[in-house]
């Protein structure tokens, strides 16, 4: 795994925690921030996956 994959997966997990916490306590702002952070993490992880795949093809 490369740095982008790891950082992306961590952001994804942190975002999911914030999203669920926001739902449980009824805080829509925290829930939205969690969704955004989770999405950013997914994009970063996907970028890391793409970098890995391109490196493999060389």
PDB file of N, CA and C in Angstrom:
ATOM      1  N   UNK A   1       0.834  -1.184   0.000  1.00  0.00           N
ATOM      2  CA  UNK A   1       0.000   0.000   0.000  1.00  0.00           C
ATOM      3  C   UNK A   1       0.879   1.247   0.000  1.00  0.00           C
ATOM      4  N   UNK A   2       0.446   2.252  -0.735  1.00  0.00           N
ATOM      5  CA  UNK A   2       1.175   3.500  -0.739  1.00  0.00           C
ATOM      6  C   UNK A   2       0.529   4.492   0.227  1.00  0.00           C
ATOM      7  N   UNK A   3       1.173   5.632   0.398  1.00  0.00           N
ATOM      8  CA  UNK A   3       0.718   6.616   1.384  1.00  0.00           C
ATOM      9  C   UNK A   3      -0.696   7.098   1.107  1.00  0.00           C
ATOM     10  N   UNK A   4      -1.026   7.317  -0.162  1.00  0.00           N
ATOM     11  CA  UNK A   4      -2.360   7.809  -0.494  1.00  0.00           C
ATOM     12  C   UNK A   4      -3.437   6.792  -0.146  1.00  0.00           C
ATOM     13  N   UNK A   5      -3.140   5.533  -0.356  1.00  0.00           N
ATOM     14  CA  UNK A   5      -4.113   4.505  -0.006  1.00  0.00           C
ATOM     15  C   UNK A   5      -4.351   4.481   1.500  1.00  0.00           C
ATOM     16  N   UNK A   6      -3.280   4.532   2.265  1.00  0.00           N
ATOM     17  CA  UNK A   6      -3.396   4.476   3.727  1.00  0.00           C
ATOM     18  C   UNK A   6      -4.123   5.707   4.259  1.00  0.00           C
ATOM     19  N   UNK A   7      -3.669   6.886   3.835  1.00  0.00           N
ATOM     20  CA  UNK A   7      -4.291   8.124   4.313  1.00  0.00           C
ATOM     21  C   UNK A   7      -5.767   8.183   3.909  1.00  0.00           C
ATOM     22  N   UNK A   8      -6.067   7.726   2.699  1.00  0.00           N
ATOM     23  CA  UNK A   8      -7.456   7.721   2.231  1.00  0.00           C
ATOM     24  C   UNK A   8      -8.334   6.810   3.061  1.00  0.00           C
ATOM     25  N   UNK A   9      -7.831   5.627   3.373  1.00  0.00           N
ATOM     26  CA  UNK A   9      -8.619   4.686   4.168  1.00  0.00           C
ATOM     27  C   UNK A   9      -8.851   5.230   5.589  1.00  0.00           C
ATOM     28  N   UNK A  10      -7.831   5.902   6.139  1.00  0.00           N
ATOM     29  CA  UNK A  10      -7.972   6.487   7.481  1.00  0.00           C
ATOM     30  C   UNK A  10      -9.017   7.597   7.455  1.00  0.00           C
ATOM     31  N   UNK A  11      -8.956   8.473   6.445  1.00  0.00           N
ATOM     32  CA  UNK A  11      -9.945   9.549   6.331  1.00  0.00           C
ATOM     33  C   UNK A  11     -11.346   8.981   6.162  1.00  0.00           C
ATOM     34  N   UNK A  12     -11.447   7.915   5.396  1.00  0.00           N
ATOM     35  CA  UNK A  12     -12.735   7.258   5.201  1.00  0.00           C
ATOM     36  C   UNK A  12     -13.305   6.796   6.537  1.00  0.00           C
ATOM     37  N   UNK A  13     -12.478   6.151   7.332  1.00  0.00           N
ATOM     38  CA  UNK A  13     -12.923   5.636   8.631  1.00  0.00           C
ATOM     39  C   UNK A  13     -13.299   6.780   9.566  1.00  0.00           C
ATOM     40  N   UNK A  14     -12.481   7.829   9.602  1.00  0.00           N
ATOM     41  CA  UNK A  14     -12.789   8.973  10.458  1.00  0.00           C
ATOM     42  C   UNK A  14     -14.104   9.622  10.032  1.00  0.00           C
ATOM     43  N   UNK A  15     -14.304   9.734   8.742  1.00  0.00           N
ATOM     44  CA  UNK A  15     -15.542  10.315   8.228  1.00  0.00           C
ATOM     45  C   UNK A  15     -16.751   9.485   8.599  1.00  0.00           C
ATOM     46  N   UNK A  16     -16.615   8.178   8.519  1.00  0.00           N
ATOM     47  CA  UNK A  16     -17.728   7.291   8.876  1.00  0.00           C
ATOM     48  C   UNK A  16     -18.083   7.437  10.346  1.00  0.00           C
ATOM     49  N   UNK A  17     -17.051   7.552  11.202  1.00  0.00           N
ATOM     50  CA  UNK A  17     -17.295   7.736  12.637  1.00  0.00           C
ATOM     51  C   UNK A  17     -18.046   9.042  12.879  1.00  0.00           C
ATOM     52  N   UNK A  18     -17.611  10.110  12.230  1.00  0.00           N
ATOM     53  CA  UNK A  18     -18.282  11.406  12.391  1.00  0.00           C
ATOM     54  C   UNK A  18     -19.714  11.349  11.885  1.00  0.00           C
ATOM     55  N   UNK A  19     -19.899  10.686  10.753  1.00  0.00           N
ATOM     56  CA  UNK A  19     -21.239  10.572  10.177  1.00  0.00           C
ATOM     57  C   UNK A  19     -22.180   9.850  11.134  1.00  0.00           C
ATOM     58  N   UNK A  20     -21.753   8.716  11.645  1.00  0.00           N
ATOM     59  CA  UNK A  20     -22.594   7.929  12.553  1.00  0.00           C
ATOM     60  C   UNK A  20     -22.830   8.684  13.862  1.00  0.00           C
ATOM     61  N   UNK A  21     -21.783   9.321  14.384  1.00  0.00           N
ATOM     62  CA  UNK A  21     -21.931  10.095  15.612  1.00  0.00           C
ATOM     63  C   UNK A  21     -22.944  11.216  15.405  1.00  0.00           C
ATOM     64  N   UNK A  22     -22.848  11.899  14.283  1.00  0.00           N
ATOM     65  CA  UNK A  22     -23.800  12.961  13.979  1.00  0.00           C
ATOM     66  C   UNK A  22     -25.225  12.460  13.911  1.00  0.00           C
ATOM     67  N   UNK A  23     -25.422  11.280  13.327  1.00  0.00           N
ATOM     68  CA  UNK A  23     -26.764  10.692  13.263  1.00  0.00           C
ATOM     69  C   UNK A  23     -27.285  10.359  14.649  1.00  0.00           C
ATOM     70  N   UNK A  24     -26.415   9.759  15.478  1.00  0.00           N
ATOM     71  CA  UNK A  24     -26.831   9.305  16.806  1.00  0.00           C
ATOM     72  C   UNK A  24     -27.223  10.485  17.696  1.00  0.00           C
ATOM     73  N   UNK A  25     -26.408  11.555  17.648  1.00  0.00           N
ATOM     74  CA  UNK A  25     -26.704  12.683  18.542  1.00  0.00           C
ATOM     75  C   UNK A  25     -27.595  13.736  17.881  1.00  0.00           C
ATOM     76  N   UNK A  26     -27.960  13.511  16.636  1.00  0.00           N
ATOM     77  CA  UNK A  26     -28.862  14.419  15.945  1.00  0.00           C
ATOM     78  C   UNK A  26     -28.198  15.705  15.486  1.00  0.00           C
ATOM     79  N   UNK A  27     -26.897  15.669  15.245  1.00  0.00           N
ATOM     80  CA  UNK A  27     -26.151  16.842  14.801  1.00  0.00           C
ATOM     81  C   UNK A  27     -25.938  16.743  13.291  1.00  0.00           C
ATOM     82  N   UNK A  28     -26.767  17.454  12.527  1.00  0.00           N
ATOM     83  CA  UNK A  28     -26.713  17.385  11.061  1.00  0.00           C
ATOM     84  C   UNK A  28     -25.387  17.911  10.511  1.00  0.00           C
ATOM     85  N   UNK A  29     -24.825  18.956  11.153  1.00  0.00           N
ATOM     86  CA  UNK A  29     -23.547  19.498  10.684  1.00  0.00           C
ATOM     87  C   UNK A  29     -22.434  18.461  10.782  1.00  0.00           C
ATOM     88  N   UNK A  30     -22.353  17.786  11.915  1.00  0.00           N
ATOM     89  CA  UNK A  30     -21.325  16.761  12.104  1.00  0.00           C
ATOM     90  C   UNK A  30     -21.538  15.609  11.129  1.00  0.00           C
ATOM     91  N   UNK A  31     -22.777  15.256  10.913  1.00  0.00           N
ATOM     92  CA  UNK A  31     -23.093  14.183   9.967  1.00  0.00           C
ATOM     93  C   UNK A  31     -22.635  14.557   8.553  1.00  0.00           C
ATOM     94  N   UNK A  32     -22.909  15.789   8.130  1.00  0.00           N
ATOM     95  CA  UNK A  32     -22.497  16.244   6.802  1.00  0.00           C
ATOM     96  C   UNK A  32     -20.977  16.309   6.677  1.00  0.00           C
ATOM     97  N   UNK A  33     -20.301  16.798   7.713  1.00  0.00           N
ATOM     98  CA  UNK A  33     -18.841  16.833   7.695  1.00  0.00           C
ATOM     99  C   UNK A  33     -18.272  15.425   7.569  1.00  0.00           C
ATOM    100  N   UNK A  34     -18.899  14.482   8.238  1.00  0.00           N
ATOM    101  CA  UNK A  34     -18.466  13.092   8.149  1.00  0.00           C
ATOM    102  C   UNK A  34     -18.626  12.526   6.754  1.00  0.00           C
ATOM    103  N   UNK A  35     -19.741  12.833   6.131  1.00  0.00           N
ATOM    104  CA  UNK A  35     -19.992  12.353   4.762  1.00  0.00           C
ATOM    105  C   UNK A  35     -18.952  12.929   3.809  1.00  0.00           C
ATOM    106  N   UNK A  36     -18.663  14.221   3.969  1.00  0.00           N
ATOM    107  CA  UNK A  36     -17.670  14.868   3.107  1.00  0.00           C
ATOM    108  C   UNK A  36     -16.291  14.258   3.326  1.00  0.00           C
ATOM    109  N   UNK A  37     -15.905  14.091   4.590  1.00  0.00           N
ATOM    110  CA  UNK A  37     -14.587  13.529   4.894  1.00  0.00           C
ATOM    111  C   UNK A  37     -14.461  12.098   4.373  1.00  0.00           C
ATOM    112  N   UNK A  38     -15.547  11.334   4.503  1.00  0.00           N
ATOM    113  CA  UNK A  38     -15.547   9.962   4.004  1.00  0.00           C
ATOM    114  C   UNK A  38     -15.366   9.936   2.488  1.00  0.00           C
ATOM    115  N   UNK A  39     -16.024  10.839   1.797  1.00  0.00           N
ATOM    116  CA  UNK A  39     -15.910  10.916   0.339  1.00  0.00           C
ATOM    117  C   UNK A  39     -14.508  11.332  -0.081  1.00  0.00           C
ATOM    118  N   UNK A  40     -13.938  12.311   0.614  1.00  0.00           N
ATOM    119  CA  UNK A  40     -12.571  12.738   0.314  1.00  0.00           C
ATOM    120  C   UNK A  40     -11.610  11.563   0.518  1.00  0.00           C
ATOM    121  N   UNK A  41     -11.819  10.800   1.568  1.00  0.00           N
ATOM    122  CA  UNK A  41     -10.980   9.632   1.822  1.00  0.00           C
ATOM    123  C   UNK A  41     -11.099   8.591   0.723  1.00  0.00           C
ATOM    124  N   UNK A  42     -12.308   8.385   0.239  1.00  0.00           N
ATOM    125  CA  UNK A  42     -12.516   7.425  -0.843  1.00  0.00           C
ATOM    126  C   UNK A  42     -11.777   7.864  -2.106  1.00  0.00           C
ATOM    127  N   UNK A  43     -11.850   9.154  -2.412  1.00  0.00           N
ATOM    128  CA  UNK A  43     -11.174   9.677  -3.600  1.00  0.00           C
ATOM    129  C   UNK A  43      -9.663   9.517  -3.448  1.00  0.00           C
ATOM    130  N   UNK A  44      -9.130   9.849  -2.274  1.00  0.00           N
ATOM    131  CA  UNK A  44      -7.691   9.729  -2.065  1.00  0.00           C
ATOM    132  C   UNK A  44      -7.249   8.266  -2.152  1.00  0.00           C
ATOM    133  N   UNK A  45      -8.031   7.370  -1.583  1.00  0.00           N
ATOM    134  CA  UNK A  45      -7.697   5.948  -1.649  1.00  0.00           C
ATOM    135  C   UNK A  45      -7.751   5.448  -3.092  1.00  0.00           C
ATOM    136  N   UNK A  46      -8.751   5.892  -3.840  1.00  0.00           N
ATOM    137  CA  UNK A  46      -8.849   5.507  -5.245  1.00  0.00           C
ATOM    138  C   UNK A  46      -7.664   6.036  -6.047  1.00  0.00           C
ATOM    139  N   UNK A  47      -7.232   7.260  -5.726  1.00  0.00           N
ATOM    140  CA  UNK A  47      -6.045   7.827  -6.378  1.00  0.00           C
ATOM    141  C   UNK A  47      -4.822   6.961  -6.073  1.00  0.00           C
ATOM    142  N   UNK A  48      -4.695   6.530  -4.836  1.00  0.00           N
ATOM    143  CA  UNK A  48      -3.588   5.653  -4.456  1.00  0.00           C
ATOM    144  C   UNK A  48      -3.648   4.323  -5.191  1.00  0.00           C
ATOM    145  N   UNK A  49      -4.864   3.794  -5.346  1.00  0.00           N
ATOM    146  CA  UNK A  49      -5.036   2.548  -6.095  1.00  0.00           C
ATOM    147  C   UNK A  49      -4.607   2.729  -7.552  1.00  0.00           C
ATOM    148  N   UNK A  50      -4.982   3.860  -8.133  1.00  0.00           N
ATOM    149  CA  UNK A  50      -4.624   4.148  -9.514  1.00  0.00           C
ATOM    150  C   UNK A  50      -3.108   4.254  -9.665  1.00  0.00           C
ATOM    151  N   UNK A  51      -2.460   4.952  -8.729  1.00  0.00           N
ATOM    152  CA  UNK A  51      -0.998   5.065  -8.768  1.00  0.00           C
ATOM    153  C   UNK A  51      -0.343   3.678  -8.697  1.00  0.00           C
ATOM    154  N   UNK A  52      -0.878   2.826  -7.831  1.00  0.00           N
ATOM    155  CA  UNK A  52      -0.337   1.465  -7.706  1.00  0.00           C
ATOM    156  C   UNK A  52      -0.509   0.690  -9.008  1.00  0.00           C
ATOM    157  N   UNK A  53      -1.692   0.807  -9.587  1.00  0.00           N
ATOM    158  CA  UNK A  53      -1.953   0.080 -10.825  1.00  0.00           C
ATOM    159  C   UNK A  53      -1.071   0.564 -11.972  1.00  0.00           C
ATOM    160  N   UNK A  54      -0.863   1.864 -12.047  1.00  0.00           N
ATOM    161  CA  UNK A  54      -0.003   2.399 -13.106  1.00  0.00           C
ATOM    162  C   UNK A  54       1.442   1.968 -12.899  1.00  0.00           C
ATOM    163  N   UNK A  55       1.866   1.901 -11.669  1.00  0.00           N
ATOM    164  CA  UNK A  55       3.233   1.477 -11.369  1.00  0.00           C
ATOM    165  C   UNK A  55       3.422  -0.008 -11.727  1.00  0.00           C
ATOM    166  N   UNK A  56       2.388  -0.807 -11.482  1.00  0.00           N
ATOM    167  CA  UNK A  56       2.443  -2.236 -11.811  1.00  0.00           C
ATOM    168  C   UNK A  56       2.567  -2.472 -13.314  1.00  0.00           C
ATOM    169  N   UNK A  57       1.901  -1.633 -14.091  1.00  0.00           N
ATOM    170  CA  UNK A  57       1.869  -1.808 -15.549  1.00  0.00           C
ATOM    171  C   UNK A  57       3.185  -1.475 -16.213  1.00  0.00           C
ATOM    172  N   UNK A  58       4.081  -0.827 -15.529  1.00  0.00           N
ATOM    173  CA  UNK A  58       5.371  -0.452 -16.135  1.00  0.00           C
ATOM    174  C   UNK A  58       6.244  -1.622 -16.358  1.00  0.00           C
TER     175      UNK A  58
END
